[in-house]
Amino acid sequence: MGGGTFLKYVYHSSSNPCQLFFFRGFASTLFVKGISFSTTDEGLAHSFSQFGKVVEAKVIMDKVRNRSKGFGYVTFAEEVEARKALTVMNGQLLDGRAIFVDEARTPSRRADE
């Protein structure tokens, strides 16, 4: 199996609610680990928005304990924005905890390793 890209369309409500963003998933989505149990989707998006347009920020939740599992994903509209955020935010403090940022892996990339 060869690695590849997956394509994704994301609706973004802005001044033009009908606008769709088209981007490569692996190139603009970051995996963020080490986040605090108190970090929210909005807080994660706000922290990364200084680097560009955040299309989506998602803190992965433990449904039983109703708190963060300690990791999440941030998706940018542009790859260059994601790369800058990765470089600057890796190792920085967010809500009192050091976070570690990497490119998100697609299922096809995991299978190749």
PDB file of N, CA and C in Angstrom:
ATOM      1  N   MET A   1       0.829  -1.190   0.000  1.00  0.00           N
ATOM      2  CA  MET A   1       0.000   0.000   0.000  1.00  0.00           C
ATOM      3  C   MET A   1       0.865   1.241   0.000  1.00  0.00           C
ATOM      4  N   GLY A   2       0.614   2.119  -0.887  1.00  0.00           N
ATOM      5  CA  GLY A   2       1.367   3.361  -0.922  1.00  0.00           C
ATOM      6  C   GLY A   2       0.686   4.423  -0.096  1.00  0.00           C
ATOM      7  N   GLY A   3       1.472   5.310   0.470  1.00  0.00           N
ATOM      8  CA  GLY A   3       0.916   6.435   1.208  1.00  0.00           C
ATOM      9  C   GLY A   3       0.307   7.417   0.235  1.00  0.00           C
ATOM     10  N   GLY A   4      -0.600   8.168   0.688  1.00  0.00           N
ATOM     11  CA  GLY A   4      -1.232   9.133  -0.191  1.00  0.00           C
ATOM     12  C   GLY A   4      -1.844  10.247   0.619  1.00  0.00           C
ATOM     13  N   THR A   5      -2.559  11.074  -0.064  1.00  0.00           N
ATOM     14  CA  THR A   5      -3.231  12.161   0.616  1.00  0.00           C
ATOM     15  C   THR A   5      -4.713  11.876   0.644  1.00  0.00           C
ATOM     16  N   PHE A   6      -5.375  12.454   1.615  1.00  0.00           N
ATOM     17  CA  PHE A   6      -6.823  12.381   1.576  1.00  0.00           C
ATOM     18  C   PHE A   6      -7.301  13.810   1.423  1.00  0.00           C
ATOM     19  N   LEU A   7      -8.394  13.961   0.746  1.00  0.00           N
ATOM     20  CA  LEU A   7      -8.923  15.282   0.471  1.00  0.00           C
ATOM     21  C   LEU A   7     -10.156  15.507   1.322  1.00  0.00           C
ATOM     22  N   LYS A   8     -10.348  16.739   1.747  1.00  0.00           N
ATOM     23  CA  LYS A   8     -11.431  17.023   2.663  1.00  0.00           C
ATOM     24  C   LYS A   8     -12.035  18.373   2.322  1.00  0.00           C
ATOM     25  N   TYR A   9     -13.333  18.461   2.382  1.00  0.00           N
ATOM     26  CA  TYR A   9     -14.039  19.719   2.241  1.00  0.00           C
ATOM     27  C   TYR A   9     -14.567  20.088   3.611  1.00  0.00           C
ATOM     28  N   VAL A  10     -14.363  21.322   4.020  1.00  0.00           N
ATOM     29  CA  VAL A  10     -14.817  21.759   5.333  1.00  0.00           C
ATOM     30  C   VAL A  10     -15.625  23.024   5.169  1.00  0.00           C
ATOM     31  N   TYR A  11     -16.785  23.050   5.785  1.00  0.00           N
ATOM     32  CA  TYR A  11     -17.617  24.237   5.796  1.00  0.00           C
ATOM     33  C   TYR A  11     -17.089  25.170   6.870  1.00  0.00           C
ATOM     34  N   HIS A  12     -16.948  26.434   6.538  1.00  0.00           N
ATOM     35  CA  HIS A  12     -16.483  27.418   7.507  1.00  0.00           C
ATOM     36  C   HIS A  12     -17.443  28.586   7.481  1.00  0.00           C
ATOM     37  N   SER A  13     -18.096  28.862   8.590  1.00  0.00           N
ATOM     38  CA  SER A  13     -19.029  29.983   8.623  1.00  0.00           C
ATOM     39  C   SER A  13     -18.245  31.268   8.837  1.00  0.00           C
ATOM     40  N   SER A  14     -18.321  32.125   7.887  1.00  0.00           N
ATOM     41  CA  SER A  14     -17.676  33.428   7.981  1.00  0.00           C
ATOM     42  C   SER A  14     -18.621  34.428   7.344  1.00  0.00           C
ATOM     43  N   SER A  15     -18.082  35.450   6.739  1.00  0.00           N
ATOM     44  CA  SER A  15     -18.940  36.427   6.081  1.00  0.00           C
ATOM     45  C   SER A  15     -19.669  35.802   4.891  1.00  0.00           C
ATOM     46  N   ASN A  16     -19.113  34.741   4.315  1.00  0.00           N
ATOM     47  CA  ASN A  16     -19.761  34.020   3.229  1.00  0.00           C
ATOM     48  C   ASN A  16     -20.057  32.605   3.712  1.00  0.00           C
ATOM     49  N   PRO A  17     -21.257  32.347   4.243  1.00  0.00           N
ATOM     50  CA  PRO A  17     -21.544  31.040   4.841  1.00  0.00           C
ATOM     51  C   PRO A  17     -21.564  29.885   3.851  1.00  0.00           C
ATOM     52  N   CYS A  18     -21.546  30.156   2.563  1.00  0.00           N
ATOM     53  CA  CYS A  18     -21.574  29.084   1.562  1.00  0.00           C
ATOM     54  C   CYS A  18     -20.176  28.694   1.100  1.00  0.00           C
ATOM     55  N   GLN A  19     -19.167  29.309   1.655  1.00  0.00           N
ATOM     56  CA  GLN A  19     -17.797  29.052   1.225  1.00  0.00           C
ATOM     57  C   GLN A  19     -17.302  27.710   1.758  1.00  0.00           C
ATOM     58  N   LEU A  20     -16.709  26.925   0.884  1.00  0.00           N
ATOM     59  CA  LEU A  20     -16.091  25.657   1.274  1.00  0.00           C
ATOM     60  C   LEU A  20     -14.590  25.776   1.107  1.00  0.00           C
ATOM     61  N   PHE A  21     -13.867  25.177   2.033  1.00  0.00           N
ATOM     62  CA  PHE A  21     -12.417  25.115   1.910  1.00  0.00           C
ATOM     63  C   PHE A  21     -12.037  23.737   1.418  1.00  0.00           C
ATOM     64  N   PHE A  22     -11.095  23.683   0.517  1.00  0.00           N
ATOM     65  CA  PHE A  22     -10.600  22.426  -0.019  1.00  0.00           C
ATOM     66  C   PHE A  22      -9.129  22.369   0.347  1.00  0.00           C
ATOM     67  N   PHE A  23      -8.708  21.297   0.973  1.00  0.00           N
ATOM     68  CA  PHE A  23      -7.311  21.204   1.365  1.00  0.00           C
ATOM     69  C   PHE A  23      -6.899  19.754   1.494  1.00  0.00           C
ATOM     70  N   ARG A  24      -5.608  19.545   1.552  1.00  0.00           N
ATOM     71  CA  ARG A  24      -5.060  18.218   1.804  1.00  0.00           C
ATOM     72  C   ARG A  24      -5.024  18.017   3.298  1.00  0.00           C
ATOM     73  N   GLY A  25      -5.627  16.933   3.767  1.00  0.00           N
ATOM     74  CA  GLY A  25      -5.734  16.694   5.197  1.00  0.00           C
ATOM     75  C   GLY A  25      -4.408  16.588   5.905  1.00  0.00           C
ATOM     76  N   PHE A  26      -3.470  15.800   5.384  1.00  0.00           N
ATOM     77  CA  PHE A  26      -2.232  15.589   6.125  1.00  0.00           C
ATOM     78  C   PHE A  26      -1.345  16.818   6.125  1.00  0.00           C
ATOM     79  N   ALA A  27      -1.489  17.675   5.163  1.00  0.00           N
ATOM     80  CA  ALA A  27      -0.593  18.813   5.034  1.00  0.00           C
ATOM     81  C   ALA A  27      -0.972  19.965   5.959  1.00  0.00           C
ATOM     82  N   SER A  28      -2.220  20.034   6.385  1.00  0.00           N
ATOM     83  CA  SER A  28      -2.634  21.181   7.174  1.00  0.00           C
ATOM     84  C   SER A  28      -3.225  20.815   8.535  1.00  0.00           C
ATOM     85  N   THR A  29      -3.228  19.548   8.899  1.00  0.00           N
ATOM     86  CA  THR A  29      -3.762  19.124  10.195  1.00  0.00           C
ATOM     87  C   THR A  29      -2.619  18.742  11.125  1.00  0.00           C
ATOM     88  N   LEU A  30      -2.676  19.292  12.327  1.00  0.00           N
ATOM     89  CA  LEU A  30      -1.648  19.037  13.327  1.00  0.00           C
ATOM     90  C   LEU A  30      -2.216  18.200  14.463  1.00  0.00           C
ATOM     91  N   PHE A  31      -1.391  17.326  15.002  1.00  0.00           N
ATOM     92  CA  PHE A  31      -1.702  16.526  16.178  1.00  0.00           C
ATOM     93  C   PHE A  31      -1.057  17.239  17.367  1.00  0.00           C
ATOM     94  N   VAL A  32      -1.837  17.498  18.393  1.00  0.00           N
ATOM     95  CA  VAL A  32      -1.345  18.210  19.574  1.00  0.00           C
ATOM     96  C   VAL A  32      -1.537  17.303  20.782  1.00  0.00           C
ATOM     97  N   LYS A  33      -0.431  16.965  21.468  1.00  0.00           N
ATOM     98  CA  LYS A  33      -0.550  16.108  22.655  1.00  0.00           C
ATOM     99  C   LYS A  33       0.001  16.836  23.873  1.00  0.00           C
ATOM    100  N   GLY A  34      -0.428  16.364  25.030  1.00  0.00           N
ATOM    101  CA  GLY A  34       0.001  16.970  26.285  1.00  0.00           C
ATOM    102  C   GLY A  34      -0.892  18.112  26.736  1.00  0.00           C
ATOM    103  N   ILE A  35      -2.067  18.254  26.128  1.00  0.00           N
ATOM    104  CA  ILE A  35      -2.939  19.361  26.515  1.00  0.00           C
ATOM    105  C   ILE A  35      -3.611  19.082  27.851  1.00  0.00           C
ATOM    106  N   SER A  36      -3.965  20.150  28.518  1.00  0.00           N
ATOM    107  CA  SER A  36      -4.588  20.081  29.841  1.00  0.00           C
ATOM    108  C   SER A  36      -5.989  19.492  29.753  1.00  0.00           C
ATOM    109  N   PHE A  37      -6.438  18.896  30.861  1.00  0.00           N
ATOM    110  CA  PHE A  37      -7.808  18.388  30.931  1.00  0.00           C
ATOM    111  C   PHE A  37      -8.825  19.516  30.785  1.00  0.00           C
ATOM    112  N   SER A  38      -8.414  20.747  31.088  1.00  0.00           N
ATOM    113  CA  SER A  38      -9.346  21.885  31.022  1.00  0.00           C
ATOM    114  C   SER A  38      -9.363  22.578  29.658  1.00  0.00           C
ATOM    115  N   THR A  39      -8.491  22.191  28.749  1.00  0.00           N
ATOM    116  CA  THR A  39      -8.445  22.830  27.424  1.00  0.00           C
ATOM    117  C   THR A  39      -9.690  22.467  26.621  1.00  0.00           C
ATOM    118  N   THR A  40     -10.299  23.469  26.009  1.00  0.00           N
ATOM    119  CA  THR A  40     -11.502  23.280  25.200  1.00  0.00           C
ATOM    120  C   THR A  40     -11.159  23.417  23.710  1.00  0.00           C
ATOM    121  N   ASP A  41     -12.115  23.045  22.851  1.00  0.00           N
ATOM    122  CA  ASP A  41     -11.942  23.245  21.412  1.00  0.00           C
ATOM    123  C   ASP A  41     -11.671  24.716  21.109  1.00  0.00           C
ATOM    124  N   GLU A  42     -12.434  25.596  21.742  1.00  0.00           N
ATOM    125  CA  GLU A  42     -12.291  27.037  21.509  1.00  0.00           C
ATOM    126  C   GLU A  42     -10.922  27.544  21.973  1.00  0.00           C
ATOM    127  N   GLY A  43     -10.472  27.071  23.134  1.00  0.00           N
ATOM    128  CA  GLY A  43      -9.167  27.483  23.641  1.00  0.00           C
ATOM    129  C   GLY A  43      -8.035  27.015  22.752  1.00  0.00           C
ATOM    130  N   LEU A  44      -8.153  25.795  22.242  1.00  0.00           N
ATOM    131  CA  LEU A  44      -7.147  25.253  21.333  1.00  0.00           C
ATOM    132  C   LEU A  44      -7.118  26.066  20.040  1.00  0.00           C
ATOM    133  N   ALA A  45      -8.293  26.353  19.489  1.00  0.00           N
ATOM    134  CA  ALA A  45      -8.386  27.151  18.261  1.00  0.00           C
ATOM    135  C   ALA A  45      -7.806  28.542  18.474  1.00  0.00           C
ATOM    136  N   HIS A  46      -8.129  29.158  19.590  1.00  0.00           N
ATOM    137  CA  HIS A  46      -7.636  30.510  19.874  1.00  0.00           C
ATOM    138  C   HIS A  46      -6.103  30.529  19.972  1.00  0.00           C
ATOM    139  N   SER A  47      -5.528  29.542  20.620  1.00  0.00           N
ATOM    140  CA  SER A  47      -4.077  29.490  20.791  1.00  0.00           C
ATOM    141  C   SER A  47      -3.338  29.360  19.462  1.00  0.00           C
ATOM    142  N   PHE A  48      -3.941  28.656  18.511  1.00  0.00           N
ATOM    143  CA  PHE A  48      -3.288  28.425  17.227  1.00  0.00           C
ATOM    144  C   PHE A  48      -3.687  29.445  16.160  1.00  0.00           C
ATOM    145  N   SER A  49      -4.708  30.246  16.412  1.00  0.00           N
ATOM    146  CA  SER A  49      -5.210  31.178  15.397  1.00  0.00           C
ATOM    147  C   SER A  49      -4.230  32.297  15.067  1.00  0.00           C
ATOM    148  N   GLN A  50      -3.246  32.530  15.911  1.00  0.00           N
ATOM    149  CA  GLN A  50      -2.252  33.564  15.621  1.00  0.00           C
ATOM    150  C   GLN A  50      -1.391  33.213  14.404  1.00  0.00           C
ATOM    151  N   PHE A  51      -1.443  31.969  13.950  1.00  0.00           N
ATOM    152  CA  PHE A  51      -0.616  31.522  12.828  1.00  0.00           C
ATOM    153  C   PHE A  51      -1.383  31.451  11.511  1.00  0.00           C
ATOM    154  N   GLY A  52      -2.692  31.643  11.563  1.00  0.00           N
ATOM    155  CA  GLY A  52      -3.491  31.608  10.344  1.00  0.00           C
ATOM    156  C   GLY A  52      -4.918  31.198  10.629  1.00  0.00           C
ATOM    157  N   LYS A  53      -5.643  30.909   9.561  1.00  0.00           N
ATOM    158  CA  LYS A  53      -7.059  30.554   9.675  1.00  0.00           C
ATOM    159  C   LYS A  53      -7.215  29.111  10.153  1.00  0.00           C
ATOM    160  N   VAL A  54      -7.716  28.957  11.373  1.00  0.00           N
ATOM    161  CA  VAL A  54      -7.989  27.637  11.925  1.00  0.00           C
ATOM    162  C   VAL A  54      -9.365  27.210  11.423  1.00  0.00           C
ATOM    163  N   VAL A  55      -9.394  26.149  10.640  1.00  0.00           N
ATOM    164  CA  VAL A  55     -10.639  25.632  10.084  1.00  0.00           C
ATOM    165  C   VAL A  55     -11.372  24.801  11.125  1.00  0.00           C
ATOM    166  N   GLU A  56     -10.613  24.024  11.908  1.00  0.00           N
ATOM    167  CA  GLU A  56     -11.215  23.185  12.935  1.00  0.00           C
ATOM    168  C   GLU A  56     -10.193  22.920  14.032  1.00  0.00           C
ATOM    169  N   ALA A  57     -10.652  22.925  15.271  1.00  0.00           N
ATOM    170  CA  ALA A  57      -9.831  22.516  16.418  1.00  0.00           C
ATOM    171  C   ALA A  57     -10.688  21.561  17.238  1.00  0.00           C
ATOM    172  N   LYS A  58     -10.146  20.396  17.533  1.00  0.00           N
ATOM    173  CA  LYS A  58     -10.918  19.367  18.227  1.00  0.00           C
ATOM    174  C   LYS A  58     -10.089  18.747  19.335  1.00  0.00           C
ATOM    175  N   VAL A  59     -10.568  18.895  20.571  1.00  0.00           N
ATOM    176  CA  VAL A  59      -9.977  18.213  21.720  1.00  0.00           C
ATOM    177  C   VAL A  59     -10.700  16.879  21.832  1.00  0.00           C
ATOM    178  N   ILE A  60      -9.953  15.791  21.867  1.00  0.00           N
ATOM    179  CA  ILE A  60     -10.552  14.460  21.969  1.00  0.00           C
ATOM    180  C   ILE A  60     -10.923  14.213  23.429  1.00  0.00           C
ATOM    181  N   MET A  61     -12.203  13.873  23.632  1.00  0.00           N
ATOM    182  CA  MET A  61     -12.747  13.760  24.985  1.00  0.00           C
ATOM    183  C   MET A  61     -12.925  12.306  25.418  1.00  0.00           C
ATOM    184  N   ASP A  62     -12.712  12.063  26.703  1.00  0.00           N
ATOM    185  CA  ASP A  62     -13.032  10.793  27.340  1.00  0.00           C
ATOM    186  C   ASP A  62     -14.505  10.889  27.733  1.00  0.00           C
ATOM    187  N   LYS A  63     -15.343  10.107  27.095  1.00  0.00           N
ATOM    188  CA  LYS A  63     -16.792  10.209  27.317  1.00  0.00           C
ATOM    189  C   LYS A  63     -17.210   9.775  28.715  1.00  0.00           C
ATOM    190  N   VAL A  64     -16.478   8.865  29.319  1.00  0.00           N
ATOM    191  CA  VAL A  64     -16.816   8.388  30.665  1.00  0.00           C
ATOM    192  C   VAL A  64     -16.495   9.459  31.706  1.00  0.00           C
ATOM    193  N   ARG A  65     -15.306  10.023  31.623  1.00  0.00           N
ATOM    194  CA  ARG A  65     -14.868  11.017  32.614  1.00  0.00           C
ATOM    195  C   ARG A  65     -15.255  12.438  32.238  1.00  0.00           C
ATOM    196  N   ASN A  66     -15.731  12.630  31.002  1.00  0.00           N
ATOM    197  CA  ASN A  66     -16.139  13.939  30.492  1.00  0.00           C
ATOM    198  C   ASN A  66     -15.019  14.979  30.615  1.00  0.00           C
ATOM    199  N   ARG A  67     -13.827  14.561  30.210  1.00  0.00           N
ATOM    200  CA  ARG A  67     -12.693  15.476  30.185  1.00  0.00           C
ATOM    201  C   ARG A  67     -11.780  15.087  29.022  1.00  0.00           C
ATOM    202  N   SER A  68     -10.832  15.959  28.743  1.00  0.00           N
ATOM    203  CA  SER A  68      -9.904  15.728  27.642  1.00  0.00           C
ATOM    204  C   SER A  68      -9.082  14.470  27.858  1.00  0.00           C
ATOM    205  N   LYS A  69      -8.781  13.775  26.770  1.00  0.00           N
ATOM    206  CA  LYS A  69      -7.864  12.633  26.838  1.00  0.00           C
ATOM    207  C   LYS A  69      -6.411  13.103  26.781  1.00  0.00           C
ATOM    208  N   GLY A  70      -6.199  14.397  26.623  1.00  0.00           N
ATOM    209  CA  GLY A  70      -4.844  14.946  26.616  1.00  0.00           C
ATOM    210  C   GLY A  70      -4.274  15.180  25.228  1.00  0.00           C
ATOM    211  N   PHE A  71      -5.111  15.036  24.206  1.00  0.00           N
ATOM    212  CA  PHE A  71      -4.637  15.328  22.850  1.00  0.00           C
ATOM    213  C   PHE A  71      -5.773  15.848  21.992  1.00  0.00           C
ATOM    214  N   GLY A  72      -5.406  16.418  20.858  1.00  0.00           N
ATOM    215  CA  GLY A  72      -6.406  16.956  19.940  1.00  0.00           C
ATOM    216  C   GLY A  72      -5.794  17.229  18.580  1.00  0.00           C
ATOM    217  N   TYR A  73      -6.590  17.846  17.719  1.00  0.00           N
ATOM    218  CA  TYR A  73      -6.171  18.138  16.344  1.00  0.00           C
ATOM    219  C   TYR A  73      -6.532  19.574  15.998  1.00  0.00           C
ATOM    220  N   VAL A  74      -5.658  20.220  15.253  1.00  0.00           N
ATOM    221  CA  VAL A  74      -5.910  21.567  14.746  1.00  0.00           C
ATOM    222  C   VAL A  74      -5.704  21.532  13.240  1.00  0.00           C
ATOM    223  N   THR A  75      -6.697  22.011  12.494  1.00  0.00           N
ATOM    224  CA  THR A  75      -6.619  22.027  11.045  1.00  0.00           C
ATOM    225  C   THR A  75      -6.599  23.465  10.553  1.00  0.00           C
ATOM    226  N   PHE A  76      -5.615  23.767   9.728  1.00  0.00           N
ATOM    227  CA  PHE A  76      -5.477  25.091   9.133  1.00  0.00           C
ATOM    228  C   PHE A  76      -5.944  25.070   7.682  1.00  0.00           C
ATOM    229  N   ALA A  77      -6.306  26.237   7.170  1.00  0.00           N
ATOM    230  CA  ALA A  77      -6.719  26.364   5.775  1.00  0.00           C
ATOM    231  C   ALA A  77      -5.533  26.196   4.830  1.00  0.00           C
ATOM    232  N   GLU A  78      -4.344  26.542   5.284  1.00  0.00           N
ATOM    233  CA  GLU A  78      -3.148  26.502   4.436  1.00  0.00           C
ATOM    234  C   GLU A  78      -2.031  25.701   5.106  1.00  0.00           C
ATOM    235  N   GLU A  79      -1.301  24.964   4.308  1.00  0.00           N
ATOM    236  CA  GLU A  79      -0.187  24.157   4.813  1.00  0.00           C
ATOM    237  C   GLU A  79       0.892  25.018   5.457  1.00  0.00           C
ATOM    238  N   VAL A  80       1.195  26.164   4.866  1.00  0.00           N
ATOM    239  CA  VAL A  80       2.261  27.027   5.386  1.00  0.00           C
ATOM    240  C   VAL A  80       1.908  27.522   6.797  1.00  0.00           C
ATOM    241  N   GLU A  81       0.631  27.777   7.046  1.00  0.00           N
ATOM    242  CA  GLU A  81       0.196  28.200   8.380  1.00  0.00           C
ATOM    243  C   GLU A  81       0.407  27.075   9.394  1.00  0.00           C
ATOM    244  N   ALA A  82       0.069  25.869   8.992  1.00  0.00           N
ATOM    245  CA  ALA A  82       0.243  24.714   9.881  1.00  0.00           C
ATOM    246  C   ALA A  82       1.716  24.493  10.202  1.00  0.00           C
ATOM    247  N   ARG A  83       2.563  24.615   9.210  1.00  0.00           N
ATOM    248  CA  ARG A  83       3.999  24.412   9.443  1.00  0.00           C
ATOM    249  C   ARG A  83       4.571  25.455  10.402  1.00  0.00           C
ATOM    250  N   LYS A  84       4.133  26.694  10.255  1.00  0.00           N
ATOM    251  CA  LYS A  84       4.609  27.745  11.162  1.00  0.00           C
ATOM    252  C   LYS A  84       4.131  27.474  12.585  1.00  0.00           C
ATOM    253  N   ALA A  85       2.866  27.079  12.733  1.00  0.00           N
ATOM    254  CA  ALA A  85       2.323  26.772  14.058  1.00  0.00           C
ATOM    255  C   ALA A  85       3.063  25.600  14.682  1.00  0.00           C
ATOM    256  N   LEU A  86       3.366  24.587  13.892  1.00  0.00           N
ATOM    257  CA  LEU A  86       4.097  23.417  14.387  1.00  0.00           C
ATOM    258  C   LEU A  86       5.456  23.844  14.932  1.00  0.00           C
ATOM    259  N   THR A  87       6.156  24.660  14.185  1.00  0.00           N
ATOM    260  CA  THR A  87       7.493  25.100  14.581  1.00  0.00           C
ATOM    261  C   THR A  87       7.468  25.930  15.857  1.00  0.00           C
ATOM    262  N   VAL A  88       6.536  26.864  15.949  1.00  0.00           N
ATOM    263  CA  VAL A  88       6.506  27.787  17.084  1.00  0.00           C
ATOM    264  C   VAL A  88       5.865  27.166  18.333  1.00  0.00           C
ATOM    265  N   MET A  89       4.767  26.429  18.165  1.00  0.00           N
ATOM    266  CA  MET A  89       4.003  25.945  19.312  1.00  0.00           C
ATOM    267  C   MET A  89       4.564  24.679  19.955  1.00  0.00           C
ATOM    268  N   ASN A  90       5.368  23.927  19.239  1.00  0.00           N
ATOM    269  CA  ASN A  90       5.918  22.691  19.800  1.00  0.00           C
ATOM    270  C   ASN A  90       6.761  23.002  21.039  1.00  0.00           C
ATOM    271  N   GLY A  91       6.370  22.437  22.183  1.00  0.00           N
ATOM    272  CA  GLY A  91       7.098  22.655  23.433  1.00  0.00           C
ATOM    273  C   GLY A  91       6.621  23.847  24.242  1.00  0.00           C
ATOM    274  N   GLN A  92       5.672  24.611  23.722  1.00  0.00           N
ATOM    275  CA  GLN A  92       5.163  25.789  24.428  1.00  0.00           C
ATOM    276  C   GLN A  92       4.137  25.396  25.485  1.00  0.00           C
ATOM    277  N   LEU A  93       3.865  26.310  26.406  1.00  0.00           N
ATOM    278  CA  LEU A  93       2.854  26.092  27.433  1.00  0.00           C
ATOM    279  C   LEU A  93       1.473  26.483  26.925  1.00  0.00           C
ATOM    280  N   LEU A  94       0.498  25.639  27.192  1.00  0.00           N
ATOM    281  CA  LEU A  94      -0.902  25.925  26.900  1.00  0.00           C
ATOM    282  C   LEU A  94      -1.699  25.479  28.122  1.00  0.00           C
ATOM    283  N   ASP A  95      -2.394  26.401  28.751  1.00  0.00           N
ATOM    284  CA  ASP A  95      -3.164  26.114  29.962  1.00  0.00           C
ATOM    285  C   ASP A  95      -2.310  25.424  31.026  1.00  0.00           C
ATOM    286  N   GLY A  96      -1.052  25.888  31.147  1.00  0.00           N
ATOM    287  CA  GLY A  96      -0.166  25.394  32.193  1.00  0.00           C
ATOM    288  C   GLY A  96       0.566  24.096  31.898  1.00  0.00           C
ATOM    289  N   ARG A  97       0.414  23.556  30.688  1.00  0.00           N
ATOM    290  CA  ARG A  97       1.094  22.299  30.331  1.00  0.00           C
ATOM    291  C   ARG A  97       1.870  22.473  29.047  1.00  0.00           C
ATOM    292  N   ALA A  98       3.025  21.832  28.975  1.00  0.00           N
ATOM    293  CA  ALA A  98       3.820  21.850  27.743  1.00  0.00           C
ATOM    294  C   ALA A  98       3.130  20.957  26.720  1.00  0.00           C
ATOM    295  N   ILE A  99       2.936  21.500  25.517  1.00  0.00           N
ATOM    296  CA  ILE A  99       2.298  20.712  24.460  1.00  0.00           C
ATOM    297  C   ILE A  99       3.337  20.318  23.416  1.00  0.00           C
ATOM    298  N   PHE A 100       3.055  19.241  22.734  1.00  0.00           N
ATOM    299  CA  PHE A 100       3.929  18.750  21.674  1.00  0.00           C
ATOM    300  C   PHE A 100       3.103  18.637  20.410  1.00  0.00           C
ATOM    301  N   VAL A 101       3.611  19.222  19.337  1.00  0.00           N
ATOM    302  CA  VAL A 101       2.863  19.355  18.087  1.00  0.00           C
ATOM    303  C   VAL A 101       3.586  18.594  16.988  1.00  0.00           C
ATOM    304  N   ASP A 102       2.827  17.861  16.184  1.00  0.00           N
ATOM    305  CA  ASP A 102       3.372  17.111  15.060  1.00  0.00           C
ATOM    306  C   ASP A 102       2.331  17.095  13.953  1.00  0.00           C
ATOM    307  N   GLU A 103       2.747  16.718  12.749  1.00  0.00           N
ATOM    308  CA  GLU A 103       1.775  16.545  11.667  1.00  0.00           C
ATOM    309  C   GLU A 103       0.875  15.375  12.017  1.00  0.00           C
ATOM    310  N   ALA A 104      -0.421  15.535  11.760  1.00  0.00           N
ATOM    311  CA  ALA A 104      -1.352  14.426  11.976  1.00  0.00           C
ATOM    312  C   ALA A 104      -1.099  13.373  10.905  1.00  0.00           C
ATOM    313  N   ARG A 105      -1.226  12.130  11.297  1.00  0.00           N
ATOM    314  CA  ARG A 105      -1.020  11.019  10.359  1.00  0.00           C
ATOM    315  C   ARG A 105      -2.358  10.545   9.825  1.00  0.00           C
ATOM    316  N   THR A 106      -2.384  10.203   8.570  1.00  0.00           N
ATOM    317  CA  THR A 106      -3.585   9.608   7.994  1.00  0.00           C
ATOM    318  C   THR A 106      -3.503   8.100   8.183  1.00  0.00           C
ATOM    319  N   PRO A 107      -4.614   7.400   8.137  1.00  0.00           N
ATOM    320  CA  PRO A 107      -4.574   5.942   8.291  1.00  0.00           C
ATOM    321  C   PRO A 107      -3.636   5.265   7.291  1.00  0.00           C
ATOM    322  N   SER A 108      -3.539   5.766   6.068  1.00  0.00           N
ATOM    323  CA  SER A 108      -2.663   5.140   5.075  1.00  0.00           C
ATOM    324  C   SER A 108      -1.196   5.305   5.443  1.00  0.00           C
ATOM    325  N   ARG A 109      -0.834   6.419   6.095  1.00  0.00           N
ATOM    326  CA  ARG A 109       0.560   6.612   6.515  1.00  0.00           C
ATOM    327  C   ARG A 109       0.901   5.676   7.660  1.00  0.00           C
ATOM    328  N   ARG A 110      -0.021   5.420   8.582  1.00  0.00           N
ATOM    329  CA  ARG A 110       0.243   4.512   9.692  1.00  0.00           C
ATOM    330  C   ARG A 110       0.478   3.093   9.178  1.00  0.00           C
ATOM    331  N   ALA A 111      -0.258   2.702   8.167  1.00  0.00           N
ATOM    332  CA  ALA A 111      -0.142   1.346   7.625  1.00  0.00           C
ATOM    333  C   ALA A 111       1.211   1.110   6.971  1.00  0.00           C
ATOM    334  N   ASP A 112       1.846   2.181   6.474  1.00  0.00           N
ATOM    335  CA  ASP A 112       3.139   2.054   5.806  1.00  0.00           C
ATOM    336  C   ASP A 112       4.294   1.916   6.774  1.00  0.00           C
ATOM    337  N   GLU A 113       4.092   2.266   8.008  1.00  0.00           N
ATOM    338  CA  GLU A 113       5.210   2.260   8.960  1.00  0.00           C
ATOM    339  C   GLU A 113       5.443   0.896   9.563  1.00  0.00           C
TER     340      GLU A 113
END
